[in-house]
Amino acid sequence: GSEYERDFNTICPGGLTGRSCERAHCGGALRHTGVGFGDDLPEKVVECAWRESERADLCLALGSSITVTPASEMPAWVARRHARRKDKGLVIVNLQATPCDEQAALRVNGLVDDVLERVEALLVEQGMLERPDARALLGG
């Protein structure tokens, strides 16, 4: 089967979304691609993530314990690759400690939404980011 990205939540129990394929003459049941706790990530997803980790100058670990493998190995790899650099590497935003805290170029103890709202405000203030138009965000 083919894969399609949706702009709405399709993760639900049992793997089936309750929706059907919209292609002409198909109508097959659609499955979500979410990964449940304890389930393995699809191999092609892991391979792609490793390729991107190899290229990354920066890894953001947002609201993650960084403890579930293999995904937890990728931020650690980026951190090790850019050790002793303060302008590259791993940035962690989390309430609890993680195994990668000592390796991070920056560690922020906080709620992800609060931290990112503050980062956005600073970027807007410094002219590095335009403030989004509220009407556009609301679909108007």
Protein backbone atom coordinates (compact mmCIF):
# COMPACT_ATOMS: atom_id res chain seq x y z
CA GLY A 1 0.00 0.00 0.00
CA SER A 2 0.51 3.62 -0.44
CA GLU A 3 1.06 6.14 2.34
CA TYR A 4 -0.72 9.49 2.63
CA GLU A 5 -0.26 12.30 5.10
CA ARG A 6 -3.39 13.76 6.68
CA ASP A 7 -3.87 17.11 8.39
CA PHE A 8 -6.02 15.55 11.11
CA ASN A 9 -5.48 12.97 13.83
CA THR A 10 -5.88 9.42 12.59
CA ILE A 11 -4.37 7.51 15.48
CA CYS A 12 -6.93 5.29 17.13
CA PRO A 13 -7.10 1.87 18.80
CA GLY A 14 -6.67 -1.21 16.64
CA GLY A 15 -4.69 0.43 13.85
CA LEU A 16 -7.68 1.23 11.64
CA THR A 17 -8.74 4.87 11.40
CA GLY A 18 -12.42 4.25 10.71
CA ARG A 19 -11.97 5.96 7.34
CA SER A 20 -11.80 4.56 3.83
CA CYS A 21 -9.49 5.28 0.92
CA GLU A 22 -10.83 8.14 -1.20
CA ARG A 23 -9.25 6.96 -4.45
CA ALA A 24 -11.68 5.92 -7.14
CA HIS A 25 -12.54 2.21 -7.09
CA CYS A 26 -10.62 1.54 -3.88
CA GLY A 27 -12.50 2.25 -0.67
CA GLY A 28 -10.09 0.13 1.38
CA ALA A 29 -9.83 0.58 5.13
CA LEU A 30 -7.13 3.06 6.17
CA ARG A 31 -4.59 2.25 8.87
CA HIS A 32 -2.70 4.82 10.94
CA THR A 33 1.07 4.87 11.08
CA GLY A 34 1.35 5.75 14.77
CA VAL A 35 3.59 3.57 16.88
CA GLY A 36 2.15 2.32 20.14
CA PHE A 37 4.13 1.99 23.34
CA GLY A 38 6.15 -1.22 23.18
CA ASP A 39 5.84 -1.46 19.38
CA ASP A 40 8.88 -1.27 17.12
CA LEU A 41 9.35 1.64 14.74
CA PRO A 42 9.21 0.63 11.06
CA GLU A 43 12.72 -0.07 9.79
CA LYS A 44 12.50 2.50 6.97
CA VAL A 45 11.61 5.19 9.54
CA VAL A 46 14.59 4.25 11.71
CA GLU A 47 16.94 4.25 8.72
CA CYS A 48 15.70 7.68 7.62
CA ALA A 49 16.07 9.05 11.15
CA TRP A 50 19.66 7.81 11.35
CA ARG A 51 20.49 9.42 8.00
CA GLU A 52 19.08 12.73 9.23
CA SER A 53 20.93 12.39 12.55
CA GLU A 54 24.18 11.94 10.63
CA ARG A 55 23.55 15.27 8.88
CA ALA A 56 22.18 17.21 11.85
CA ASP A 57 24.04 20.07 13.49
CA LEU A 58 21.27 20.39 16.05
CA CYS A 59 18.88 17.96 17.69
CA LEU A 60 15.92 19.21 19.74
CA ALA A 61 14.63 16.78 22.36
CA LEU A 62 11.32 18.34 23.41
CA GLY A 63 9.37 16.81 26.27
CA SER A 64 11.14 13.48 25.98
CA SER A 65 12.77 11.24 28.56
CA ILE A 66 15.23 10.15 25.83
CA THR A 67 15.10 6.59 27.14
CA VAL A 68 13.28 4.52 24.48
CA THR A 69 15.56 2.91 21.92
CA PRO A 70 16.35 3.20 19.10
CA ALA A 71 15.07 6.80 19.02
CA SER A 72 16.95 7.70 22.22
CA GLU A 73 20.26 6.82 20.59
CA MET A 74 19.93 9.55 17.95
CA PRO A 75 20.04 12.66 20.20
CA ALA A 76 22.94 11.10 22.09
CA TRP A 77 24.78 10.53 18.80
CA VAL A 78 24.29 14.16 17.70
CA ALA A 79 25.48 15.33 21.15
CA ARG A 80 28.62 13.17 20.99
CA ARG A 81 29.37 14.25 17.43
CA HIS A 82 29.30 17.92 18.43
CA ALA A 83 30.85 17.56 21.89
CA ARG A 84 32.64 20.65 23.19
CA ARG A 85 30.61 22.90 20.86
CA LYS A 86 28.06 25.36 22.26
CA ASP A 87 26.63 26.35 18.86
CA LYS A 88 25.77 22.79 17.77
CA GLY A 89 24.63 19.55 19.34
CA LEU A 90 21.71 18.63 21.54
CA VAL A 91 19.13 20.92 23.15
CA ILE A 92 16.82 19.35 25.73
CA VAL A 93 13.59 20.89 27.04
CA ASN A 94 12.01 18.64 29.67
CA LEU A 95 10.69 18.70 33.20
CA GLN A 96 12.61 15.64 34.40
CA ALA A 97 16.27 14.78 34.04
CA THR A 98 17.33 12.67 31.06
CA PRO A 99 20.32 10.40 30.47
CA CYS A 100 21.65 12.96 27.95
CA ASP A 101 21.57 16.06 30.18
CA GLU A 102 25.34 16.11 30.69
CA GLN A 103 25.96 15.83 26.94
CA ALA A 104 23.55 18.60 25.94
CA ALA A 105 24.79 21.95 24.67
CA LEU A 106 21.73 23.43 26.38
CA ARG A 107 19.32 21.96 28.93
CA VAL A 108 16.11 23.83 29.82
CA ASN A 109 13.94 22.63 32.69
CA GLY A 110 10.40 23.62 31.71
CA LEU A 111 7.20 22.91 29.84
CA VAL A 112 7.79 22.64 26.10
CA ASP A 113 4.89 24.97 25.18
CA ASP A 114 6.09 27.67 27.58
CA VAL A 115 9.69 27.48 26.39
CA LEU A 116 8.81 27.50 22.68
CA GLU A 117 6.39 30.42 23.13
CA ARG A 118 9.22 32.37 24.76
CA VAL A 119 11.65 31.40 21.98
CA GLU A 120 9.10 32.56 19.39
CA ALA A 121 8.61 35.88 21.22
CA LEU A 122 12.38 36.46 21.33
CA LEU A 123 12.77 35.65 17.62
CA VAL A 124 9.94 38.05 16.75
CA GLU A 125 11.43 40.73 19.02
CA GLN A 126 14.82 40.38 17.31
CA GLY A 127 13.27 40.53 13.83
CA MET A 128 14.29 36.97 13.00
CA LEU A 129 10.71 35.74 12.74
CA GLU A 130 7.49 37.41 11.64
CA ARG A 131 4.60 37.23 14.05
CA PRO A 132 1.99 34.89 12.53
CA ASP A 133 -1.28 36.52 11.47
CA ALA A 134 -3.94 35.27 13.89
CA ARG A 135 -6.56 35.25 11.13
CA ALA A 136 -4.42 32.94 8.99
CA LEU A 137 -3.93 30.60 11.92
CA LEU A 138 -7.70 30.43 12.44
CA GLY A 139 -8.31 29.70 8.76
CA GLY A 140 -9.77 33.14 8.03
